[in-house]
Structures are given as C-alpha cells and as structure tokens.
Amino acid sequence: MKSIKTLNTRLFTAAILLFTHTAIATQSDIDAIEQAFYSNKIGQLREISNSTQGYEHFLASYRLALKYSFTQDEKKAKQTLDKLIQEMESHFKSHPKDEESLALLANIYGYSIGLNPFMGMTYGPKSHNRIDAALSIDKENPRVLMFKGILDYNTPAMFGGSKESAKTAFTLALDAFSRDHNSGKHWGFSETHVWLGLTYLELGDKQMARYYWEKALAVNPENDWASTLLDTNP
C-alpha cells in the first residue's frame, strides 16, 4: 500500500512539473511575440510564426498581419489573415473548446472586415458567434473580454454594437488580468488600457481617456499607440 501511495505521489508531482514547464514555455513564446511586435521586428515575427504551432502560431501570425497593415502592405496583411483564418477554422474541428483561439479568431474576422468591407456579411456573424462561444466557455478570461470589448466598440449600433457595452467589457477585462499572470498566455494588458481609453474618448471623457493611455504606457513603455494617442489628444 505504501509503495502505491509513493508511486501516486511521484506521478502527481511529475504531472505538476510538466504542467508548470509547459506554461512557462508557452509564456516565453508569447512574450517573444509581443516583444517582437512592439519592437517592430517583422522578421522575428515571421520567424516565430513559421516555427510555432497552435495558439503561439496563431498569435504570431495575427501580429504579423497587423504589422503588414500598419506599414501599408495590405496585400500581405490580407494574405496572412486569409491563411490564418483557414488554419484556425480547421483547428476548431479538433479543439472546439479552445476559448483563447475562439476569441482571437472573432477579432481576426473583425479586422479582416476592416481590410475588406465586402466580407462584412460573411465575417460579421461569424465574429459574434465565435466570441459568444468563447464567453460560454470562460466568461472571465481577460482576452476573451478584451476581444468582446473590441467587437462591441467596432460594431455599428444598428448591428448591436455599443460603446457602453465595450466599456463594461474592457473594465471587466482589466480586472481579470490581475488573475491571469500564471495562465501561460498572458498578453493584452496594455492594449486593453488603450481600448478603454478610446472608448472613454468616444463617450466624451477625454480626461479618463488620457488616464488609461498613461496606464497603458506604465504597463508597457513601448506601446507607441498609447504615446501617439496622448500626443494627438492633449
């Protein structure tokens, strides 16, 4: 009996160590992606995208597409997003409960509409379906809430969008981030501050907008988006 208990203890310990190592490795990849993104290292983002799989690959490819778009290379941005959408839709056939990827894909659909408005009728409903599915799995995931806020912010009111709903989602996301540090996928904290600031600006409160952009910079001094918004909204 004692040997069985000892074996069970060792197996449990090994499982904990494996989980911890996997979480650290995943977070290391996420940190590398975000560092490359905010440092404008497109080549490094491309390399990470090509050398990873699963969520890390999805995030690196998404960040790469954003950089292509920011540098006015919309052709590469669209190509990257189109390929990514195909990969992620295939991913859900075997991973239907992956709320992190569901929420990310919801945002990718929305961003794709911005690059190609003709896809609105197709990607609009898909975006809402994906974020609803992600929320049904984990309504306290900070990135799920962040992407819910982005969707509410960008969707026209006639199609269900709402700046007040966006403010609520971003506020809940910021609170949830305080419990997210050991998730293995911790990213988006500074970004959420920027979005909440933009929402307050849309609601007519520039003082609160600037407050959250300053908080975004305190979290990540390399967040040029927050710096630009502060400079252009004195």
C-alpha atoms as a PDB file:
ATOM      1  CA  MET A   1       0.000   0.000   0.000  1.00  0.00           C
ATOM      2  CA  LYS A   2       2.836   2.369   0.886  1.00  0.00           C
ATOM      3  CA  SER A   3       4.531   1.785  -2.470  1.00  0.00           C
ATOM      4  CA  ILE A   4       1.286   2.564  -4.308  1.00  0.00           C
ATOM      5  CA  LYS A   5       0.899   5.826  -2.392  1.00  0.00           C
ATOM      6  CA  THR A   6       4.519   6.708  -3.142  1.00  0.00           C
ATOM      7  CA  LEU A   7       4.008   5.980  -6.834  1.00  0.00           C
ATOM      8  CA  ASN A   8       0.838   8.098  -6.933  1.00  0.00           C
ATOM      9  CA  THR A   9       2.664  10.955  -5.231  1.00  0.00           C
ATOM     10  CA  ARG A  10       5.501  10.777  -7.748  1.00  0.00           C
ATOM     11  CA  LEU A  11       3.078  10.702 -10.687  1.00  0.00           C
ATOM     12  CA  PHE A  12       1.182  13.682  -9.304  1.00  0.00           C
ATOM     13  CA  THR A  13       4.424  15.615  -8.784  1.00  0.00           C
ATOM     14  CA  ALA A  14       5.582  14.778 -12.308  1.00  0.00           C
ATOM     15  CA  ALA A  15       2.270  15.984 -13.725  1.00  0.00           C
ATOM     16  CA  ILE A  16       2.563  19.286 -11.839  1.00  0.00           C
ATOM     17  CA  LEU A  17       6.133  19.785 -13.056  1.00  0.00           C
ATOM     18  CA  LEU A  18       5.108  19.033 -16.645  1.00  0.00           C
ATOM     19  CA  PHE A  19       2.228  21.491 -16.465  1.00  0.00           C
ATOM     20  CA  THR A  20       4.463  24.177 -14.950  1.00  0.00           C
ATOM     21  CA  HIS A  21       7.162  23.668 -17.592  1.00  0.00           C
ATOM     22  CA  THR A  22       4.568  23.839 -20.395  1.00  0.00           C
ATOM     23  CA  ALA A  23       3.069  27.039 -19.002  1.00  0.00           C
ATOM     24  CA  ILE A  24       6.496  28.668 -18.713  1.00  0.00           C
ATOM     25  CA  ALA A  25       7.454  27.603 -22.242  1.00  0.00           C
ATOM     26  CA  THR A  26       4.182  28.912 -23.638  1.00  0.00           C
ATOM     27  CA  GLN A  27       4.523  32.245 -21.823  1.00  0.00           C
ATOM     28  CA  SER A  28       8.083  32.554 -23.075  1.00  0.00           C
ATOM     29  CA  ASP A  29       6.832  32.249 -26.655  1.00  0.00           C
ATOM     30  CA  ILE A  30       4.024  34.749 -26.005  1.00  0.00           C
ATOM     31  CA  ASP A  31       6.498  37.232 -24.503  1.00  0.00           C
ATOM     32  CA  ALA A  32       8.789  36.844 -27.533  1.00  0.00           C
ATOM     33  CA  ILE A  33       5.880  37.534 -29.892  1.00  0.00           C
ATOM     34  CA  GLU A  34       4.818  40.655 -28.016  1.00  0.00           C
ATOM     35  CA  GLN A  35       8.393  41.930 -27.746  1.00  0.00           C
ATOM     36  CA  ALA A  36       8.882  41.488 -31.487  1.00  0.00           C
ATOM     37  CA  PHE A  37       5.555  43.197 -32.198  1.00  0.00           C
ATOM     38  CA  TYR A  38       6.182  46.270 -30.067  1.00  0.00           C
ATOM     39  CA  SER A  39       9.800  46.491 -31.238  1.00  0.00           C
ATOM     40  CA  ASN A  40       8.672  46.436 -34.895  1.00  0.00           C
ATOM     41  CA  LYS A  41      10.740  43.320 -35.667  1.00  0.00           C
ATOM     42  CA  ILE A  42       8.734  41.943 -38.565  1.00  0.00           C
ATOM     43  CA  GLY A  43      11.390  39.404 -39.493  1.00  0.00           C
ATOM     44  CA  GLN A  44      11.351  37.963 -35.984  1.00  0.00           C
ATOM     45  CA  LEU A  45       7.549  37.770 -36.003  1.00  0.00           C
ATOM     46  CA  ARG A  46       7.694  35.921 -39.316  1.00  0.00           C
ATOM     47  CA  GLU A  47      10.261  33.521 -37.904  1.00  0.00           C
ATOM     48  CA  ILE A  48       8.161  32.804 -34.801  1.00  0.00           C
ATOM     49  CA  SER A  49       5.065  32.315 -36.939  1.00  0.00           C
ATOM     50  CA  ASN A  50       6.893  29.776 -39.101  1.00  0.00           C
ATOM     51  CA  SER A  51       8.468  27.892 -36.198  1.00  0.00           C
ATOM     52  CA  THR A  52       5.477  27.510 -33.869  1.00  0.00           C
ATOM     53  CA  GLN A  53       2.097  25.839 -33.964  1.00  0.00           C
ATOM     54  CA  GLY A  54      -1.217  26.121 -32.189  1.00  0.00           C
ATOM     55  CA  TYR A  55      -2.016  29.290 -30.258  1.00  0.00           C
ATOM     56  CA  GLU A  56       1.507  30.701 -30.431  1.00  0.00           C
ATOM     57  CA  HIS A  57       1.458  30.366 -34.227  1.00  0.00           C
ATOM     58  CA  PHE A  58      -1.974  31.989 -34.413  1.00  0.00           C
ATOM     59  CA  LEU A  59      -0.908  34.952 -32.279  1.00  0.00           C
ATOM     60  CA  ALA A  60       2.391  35.456 -34.119  1.00  0.00           C
ATOM     61  CA  SER A  61       0.612  35.359 -37.491  1.00  0.00           C
ATOM     62  CA  TYR A  62      -2.036  37.815 -36.268  1.00  0.00           C
ATOM     63  CA  ARG A  63       0.611  40.221 -35.001  1.00  0.00           C
ATOM     64  CA  LEU A  64       2.494  39.853 -38.271  1.00  0.00           C
ATOM     65  CA  ALA A  65      -0.638  40.722 -40.251  1.00  0.00           C
ATOM     66  CA  LEU A  66      -1.124  43.818 -38.103  1.00  0.00           C
ATOM     67  CA  LYS A  67       2.426  44.956 -38.855  1.00  0.00           C
ATOM     68  CA  TYR A  68       1.895  44.439 -42.582  1.00  0.00           C
ATOM     69  CA  SER A  69      -1.253  46.539 -42.339  1.00  0.00           C
ATOM     70  CA  PHE A  70       0.475  49.296 -40.337  1.00  0.00           C
ATOM     71  CA  THR A  71       3.216  49.512 -42.981  1.00  0.00           C
ATOM     72  CA  GLN A  72       0.590  49.855 -45.742  1.00  0.00           C
ATOM     73  CA  ASP A  73       1.261  46.407 -47.177  1.00  0.00           C
ATOM     74  CA  GLU A  74      -2.405  45.420 -47.301  1.00  0.00           C
ATOM     75  CA  LYS A  75      -1.783  42.631 -49.804  1.00  0.00           C
ATOM     76  CA  LYS A  76       0.467  40.735 -47.381  1.00  0.00           C
ATOM     77  CA  ALA A  77      -1.869  41.570 -44.493  1.00  0.00           C
ATOM     78  CA  LYS A  78      -4.848  40.067 -46.317  1.00  0.00           C
ATOM     79  CA  GLN A  79      -2.883  37.022 -47.447  1.00  0.00           C
ATOM     80  CA  THR A  80      -1.654  36.390 -43.906  1.00  0.00           C
ATOM     81  CA  LEU A  81      -5.119  36.767 -42.409  1.00  0.00           C
ATOM     82  CA  ASP A  82      -6.803  34.619 -45.069  1.00  0.00           C
ATOM     83  CA  LYS A  83      -4.344  31.791 -44.447  1.00  0.00           C
ATOM     84  CA  LEU A  84      -4.676  32.216 -40.690  1.00  0.00           C
ATOM     85  CA  ILE A  85      -8.468  32.054 -40.818  1.00  0.00           C
ATOM     86  CA  GLN A  86      -8.293  28.770 -42.739  1.00  0.00           C
ATOM     87  CA  GLU A  87      -5.824  27.336 -40.223  1.00  0.00           C
ATOM     88  CA  MET A  88      -7.866  28.387 -37.228  1.00  0.00           C
ATOM     89  CA  GLU A  89     -11.179  27.169 -38.618  1.00  0.00           C
ATOM     90  CA  SER A  90      -9.532  23.795 -39.196  1.00  0.00           C
ATOM     91  CA  HIS A  91      -8.106  23.887 -35.644  1.00  0.00           C
ATOM     92  CA  PHE A  92     -11.581  24.044 -34.095  1.00  0.00           C
ATOM     93  CA  LYS A  93     -12.611  20.752 -35.664  1.00  0.00           C
ATOM     94  CA  SER A  94     -10.419  19.019 -33.080  1.00  0.00           C
ATOM     95  CA  HIS A  95     -10.267  21.773 -30.414  1.00  0.00           C
ATOM     96  CA  PRO A  96     -13.822  23.165 -30.142  1.00  0.00           C
ATOM     97  CA  LYS A  97     -13.322  24.374 -26.545  1.00  0.00           C
ATOM     98  CA  ASP A  98     -10.209  26.485 -27.135  1.00  0.00           C
ATOM     99  CA  GLU A  99     -11.633  29.776 -25.866  1.00  0.00           C
ATOM    100  CA  GLU A 100      -8.368  31.694 -26.377  1.00  0.00           C
ATOM    101  CA  SER A 101      -8.274  30.876 -30.089  1.00  0.00           C
ATOM    102  CA  LEU A 102     -12.033  31.346 -30.484  1.00  0.00           C
ATOM    103  CA  ALA A 103     -11.782  34.892 -29.149  1.00  0.00           C
ATOM    104  CA  LEU A 104      -8.713  35.656 -31.244  1.00  0.00           C
ATOM    105  CA  LEU A 105     -10.463  34.421 -34.381  1.00  0.00           C
ATOM    106  CA  ALA A 106     -13.504  36.578 -33.583  1.00  0.00           C
ATOM    107  CA  ASN A 107     -11.195  39.598 -33.615  1.00  0.00           C
ATOM    108  CA  ILE A 108      -9.420  38.431 -36.778  1.00  0.00           C
ATOM    109  CA  TYR A 109     -12.774  38.234 -38.578  1.00  0.00           C
ATOM    110  CA  GLY A 110     -13.491  41.797 -37.469  1.00  0.00           C
ATOM    111  CA  TYR A 111     -10.084  43.090 -38.530  1.00  0.00           C
ATOM    112  CA  SER A 112     -10.461  41.368 -41.900  1.00  0.00           C
ATOM    113  CA  ILE A 113     -13.715  43.254 -42.449  1.00  0.00           C
ATOM    114  CA  GLY A 114     -11.777  46.481 -41.959  1.00  0.00           C
ATOM    115  CA  LEU A 115      -9.400  45.473 -44.747  1.00  0.00           C
ATOM    116  CA  ASN A 116     -12.160  44.134 -46.981  1.00  0.00           C
ATOM    117  CA  PRO A 117     -15.633  45.551 -46.161  1.00  0.00           C
ATOM    118  CA  PHE A 118     -17.243  43.198 -48.692  1.00  0.00           C
ATOM    119  CA  MET A 119     -16.615  40.360 -46.208  1.00  0.00           C
ATOM    120  CA  GLY A 120     -18.848  42.008 -43.619  1.00  0.00           C
ATOM    121  CA  MET A 121     -21.906  39.896 -44.381  1.00  0.00           C
ATOM    122  CA  THR A 122     -19.833  36.715 -44.011  1.00  0.00           C
ATOM    123  CA  TYR A 123     -17.407  37.547 -41.243  1.00  0.00           C
ATOM    124  CA  GLY A 124     -19.709  39.765 -39.136  1.00  0.00           C
ATOM    125  CA  PRO A 125     -21.999  36.950 -37.907  1.00  0.00           C
ATOM    126  CA  LYS A 126     -19.020  34.582 -37.567  1.00  0.00           C
ATOM    127  CA  SER A 127     -17.231  37.083 -35.354  1.00  0.00           C
ATOM    128  CA  HIS A 128     -20.199  37.342 -32.982  1.00  0.00           C
ATOM    129  CA  ASN A 129     -20.674  33.562 -32.957  1.00  0.00           C
ATOM    130  CA  ARG A 130     -17.029  32.956 -32.070  1.00  0.00           C
ATOM    131  CA  ILE A 131     -16.936  35.484 -29.226  1.00  0.00           C
ATOM    132  CA  ASP A 132     -20.206  34.131 -27.808  1.00  0.00           C
ATOM    133  CA  ALA A 133     -18.751  30.614 -27.908  1.00  0.00           C
ATOM    134  CA  ALA A 134     -15.592  31.791 -26.134  1.00  0.00           C
ATOM    135  CA  LEU A 135     -17.630  33.550 -23.425  1.00  0.00           C
ATOM    136  CA  SER A 136     -19.737  30.438 -22.879  1.00  0.00           C
ATOM    137  CA  ILE A 137     -16.515  28.528 -22.097  1.00  0.00           C
ATOM    138  CA  ASP A 138     -14.833  31.156 -19.912  1.00  0.00           C
ATOM    139  CA  LYS A 139     -16.557  34.473 -19.263  1.00  0.00           C
ATOM    140  CA  GLU A 140     -13.716  35.632 -17.001  1.00  0.00           C
ATOM    141  CA  ASN A 141     -10.837  35.194 -19.447  1.00  0.00           C
ATOM    142  CA  PRO A 142      -9.275  38.666 -19.871  1.00  0.00           C
ATOM    143  CA  ARG A 143      -8.513  38.272 -23.570  1.00  0.00           C
ATOM    144  CA  VAL A 144     -11.988  36.953 -24.294  1.00  0.00           C
ATOM    145  CA  LEU A 145     -13.371  40.032 -22.550  1.00  0.00           C
ATOM    146  CA  MET A 146     -10.894  42.295 -24.369  1.00  0.00           C
ATOM    147  CA  PHE A 147     -11.985  40.966 -27.753  1.00  0.00           C
ATOM    148  CA  LYS A 148     -15.644  41.220 -26.702  1.00  0.00           C
ATOM    149  CA  GLY A 149     -14.982  44.887 -25.990  1.00  0.00           C
ATOM    150  CA  ILE A 150     -13.248  45.412 -29.327  1.00  0.00           C
ATOM    151  CA  LEU A 151     -16.181  43.809 -31.129  1.00  0.00           C
ATOM    152  CA  ASP A 152     -18.714  45.957 -29.253  1.00  0.00           C
ATOM    153  CA  TYR A 153     -16.605  49.066 -29.934  1.00  0.00           C
ATOM    154  CA  ASN A 154     -16.246  48.489 -33.681  1.00  0.00           C
ATOM    155  CA  THR A 155     -19.697  47.093 -34.498  1.00  0.00           C
ATOM    156  CA  PRO A 156     -22.150  49.775 -35.676  1.00  0.00           C
ATOM    157  CA  ALA A 157     -25.019  50.394 -33.261  1.00  0.00           C
ATOM    158  CA  MET A 158     -27.556  49.239 -35.854  1.00  0.00           C
ATOM    159  CA  PHE A 159     -25.890  45.804 -35.757  1.00  0.00           C
ATOM    160  CA  GLY A 160     -25.712  45.577 -31.967  1.00  0.00           C
ATOM    161  CA  GLY A 161     -22.528  47.487 -31.194  1.00  0.00           C
ATOM    162  CA  SER A 162     -22.332  49.728 -28.134  1.00  0.00           C
ATOM    163  CA  LYS A 163     -19.620  51.894 -26.638  1.00  0.00           C
ATOM    164  CA  GLU A 164     -21.154  51.404 -23.175  1.00  0.00           C
ATOM    165  CA  SER A 165     -21.022  47.628 -23.600  1.00  0.00           C
ATOM    166  CA  ALA A 166     -17.439  47.970 -24.798  1.00  0.00           C
ATOM    167  CA  LYS A 167     -16.549  49.991 -21.690  1.00  0.00           C
ATOM    168  CA  THR A 168     -18.048  47.301 -19.472  1.00  0.00           C
ATOM    169  CA  ALA A 169     -16.159  44.518 -21.251  1.00  0.00           C
ATOM    170  CA  PHE A 170     -12.808  46.346 -21.144  1.00  0.00           C
ATOM    171  CA  THR A 171     -13.267  47.206 -17.451  1.00  0.00           C
ATOM    172  CA  LEU A 172     -14.020  43.561 -16.631  1.00  0.00           C
ATOM    173  CA  ALA A 173     -11.002  42.512 -18.707  1.00  0.00           C
ATOM    174  CA  LEU A 174      -8.642  44.771 -16.754  1.00  0.00           C
ATOM    175  CA  ASP A 175      -9.903  43.272 -13.511  1.00  0.00           C
ATOM    176  CA  ALA A 176      -9.485  39.736 -14.885  1.00  0.00           C
ATOM    177  CA  PHE A 177      -5.894  40.441 -15.938  1.00  0.00           C
ATOM    178  CA  SER A 178      -4.929  40.620 -12.252  1.00  0.00           C
ATOM    179  CA  ARG A 179      -5.633  36.885 -12.034  1.00  0.00           C
ATOM    180  CA  ASP A 180      -4.023  35.982 -15.357  1.00  0.00           C
ATOM    181  CA  HIS A 181      -0.273  36.176 -14.721  1.00  0.00           C
ATOM    182  CA  ASN A 182       0.162  32.400 -14.467  1.00  0.00           C
ATOM    183  CA  SER A 183      -2.115  31.478 -17.367  1.00  0.00           C
ATOM    184  CA  GLY A 184       0.761  30.832 -19.781  1.00  0.00           C
ATOM    185  CA  LYS A 185      -0.914  33.149 -22.313  1.00  0.00           C
ATOM    186  CA  HIS A 186      -0.590  36.483 -20.534  1.00  0.00           C
ATOM    187  CA  TRP A 187      -0.739  39.324 -23.061  1.00  0.00           C
ATOM    188  CA  GLY A 188      -3.061  42.227 -23.937  1.00  0.00           C
ATOM    189  CA  PHE A 189      -2.987  44.116 -20.614  1.00  0.00           C
ATOM    190  CA  SER A 190      -1.523  47.335 -22.019  1.00  0.00           C
ATOM    191  CA  GLU A 191      -3.625  47.010 -25.176  1.00  0.00           C
ATOM    192  CA  THR A 192      -6.848  46.792 -23.165  1.00  0.00           C
ATOM    193  CA  HIS A 193      -5.998  50.057 -21.411  1.00  0.00           C
ATOM    194  CA  VAL A 194      -5.674  51.724 -24.821  1.00  0.00           C
ATOM    195  CA  TRP A 195      -9.047  50.396 -25.972  1.00  0.00           C
ATOM    196  CA  LEU A 196     -10.757  51.518 -22.776  1.00  0.00           C
ATOM    197  CA  GLY A 197      -9.238  54.960 -23.245  1.00  0.00           C
ATOM    198  CA  LEU A 198     -10.549  55.089 -26.813  1.00  0.00           C
ATOM    199  CA  THR A 199     -13.983  54.116 -25.546  1.00  0.00           C
ATOM    200  CA  TYR A 200     -13.977  56.906 -22.979  1.00  0.00           C
ATOM    201  CA  LEU A 201     -12.930  59.335 -25.717  1.00  0.00           C
ATOM    202  CA  GLU A 202     -15.897  58.220 -27.839  1.00  0.00           C
ATOM    203  CA  LEU A 203     -18.132  58.742 -24.798  1.00  0.00           C
ATOM    204  CA  GLY A 204     -16.840  62.308 -24.429  1.00  0.00           C
ATOM    205  CA  ASP A 205     -14.498  61.902 -21.456  1.00  0.00           C
ATOM    206  CA  LYS A 206     -11.002  62.886 -22.608  1.00  0.00           C
ATOM    207  CA  GLN A 207      -9.645  63.041 -19.049  1.00  0.00           C
ATOM    208  CA  MET A 208     -10.426  59.359 -18.453  1.00  0.00           C
ATOM    209  CA  ALA A 209      -9.179  58.514 -21.930  1.00  0.00           C
ATOM    210  CA  ARG A 210      -5.791  60.043 -21.185  1.00  0.00           C
ATOM    211  CA  TYR A 211      -5.724  58.333 -17.781  1.00  0.00           C
ATOM    212  CA  TYR A 212      -5.988  54.893 -19.376  1.00  0.00           C
ATOM    213  CA  TRP A 213      -3.476  55.688 -22.135  1.00  0.00           C
ATOM    214  CA  GLU A 214      -0.995  56.752 -19.452  1.00  0.00           C
ATOM    215  CA  LYS A 215      -1.714  53.488 -17.624  1.00  0.00           C
ATOM    216  CA  ALA A 216      -1.074  51.608 -20.868  1.00  0.00           C
ATOM    217  CA  LEU A 217       2.386  53.188 -21.087  1.00  0.00           C
ATOM    218  CA  ALA A 218       3.082  52.387 -17.447  1.00  0.00           C
ATOM    219  CA  VAL A 219       2.392  48.728 -18.234  1.00  0.00           C
ATOM    220  CA  ASN A 220       4.355  48.781 -21.491  1.00  0.00           C
ATOM    221  CA  PRO A 221       6.563  51.814 -22.228  1.00  0.00           C
ATOM    222  CA  GLU A 222       6.985  50.555 -25.826  1.00  0.00           C
ATOM    223  CA  ASN A 223       3.283  50.955 -26.599  1.00  0.00           C
ATOM    224  CA  ASP A 224       3.615  53.574 -29.355  1.00  0.00           C
ATOM    225  CA  TRP A 225      -0.158  53.506 -29.930  1.00  0.00           C
ATOM    226  CA  ALA A 226      -0.751  54.899 -26.446  1.00  0.00           C
ATOM    227  CA  SER A 227       2.011  57.506 -26.923  1.00  0.00           C
ATOM    228  CA  THR A 228       0.519  58.682 -30.206  1.00  0.00           C
ATOM    229  CA  LEU A 229      -2.963  58.988 -28.720  1.00  0.00           C
ATOM    230  CA  LEU A 230      -1.631  61.055 -25.836  1.00  0.00           C
ATOM    231  CA  ASP A 231       0.250  63.340 -28.243  1.00  0.00           C
ATOM    232  CA  THR A 232      -2.772  63.849 -30.522  1.00  0.00           C
ATOM    233  CA  ASN A 233      -5.293  64.324 -27.701  1.00  0.00           C
ATOM    234  CA  PRO A 234      -3.692  66.862 -25.346  1.00  0.00           C
END
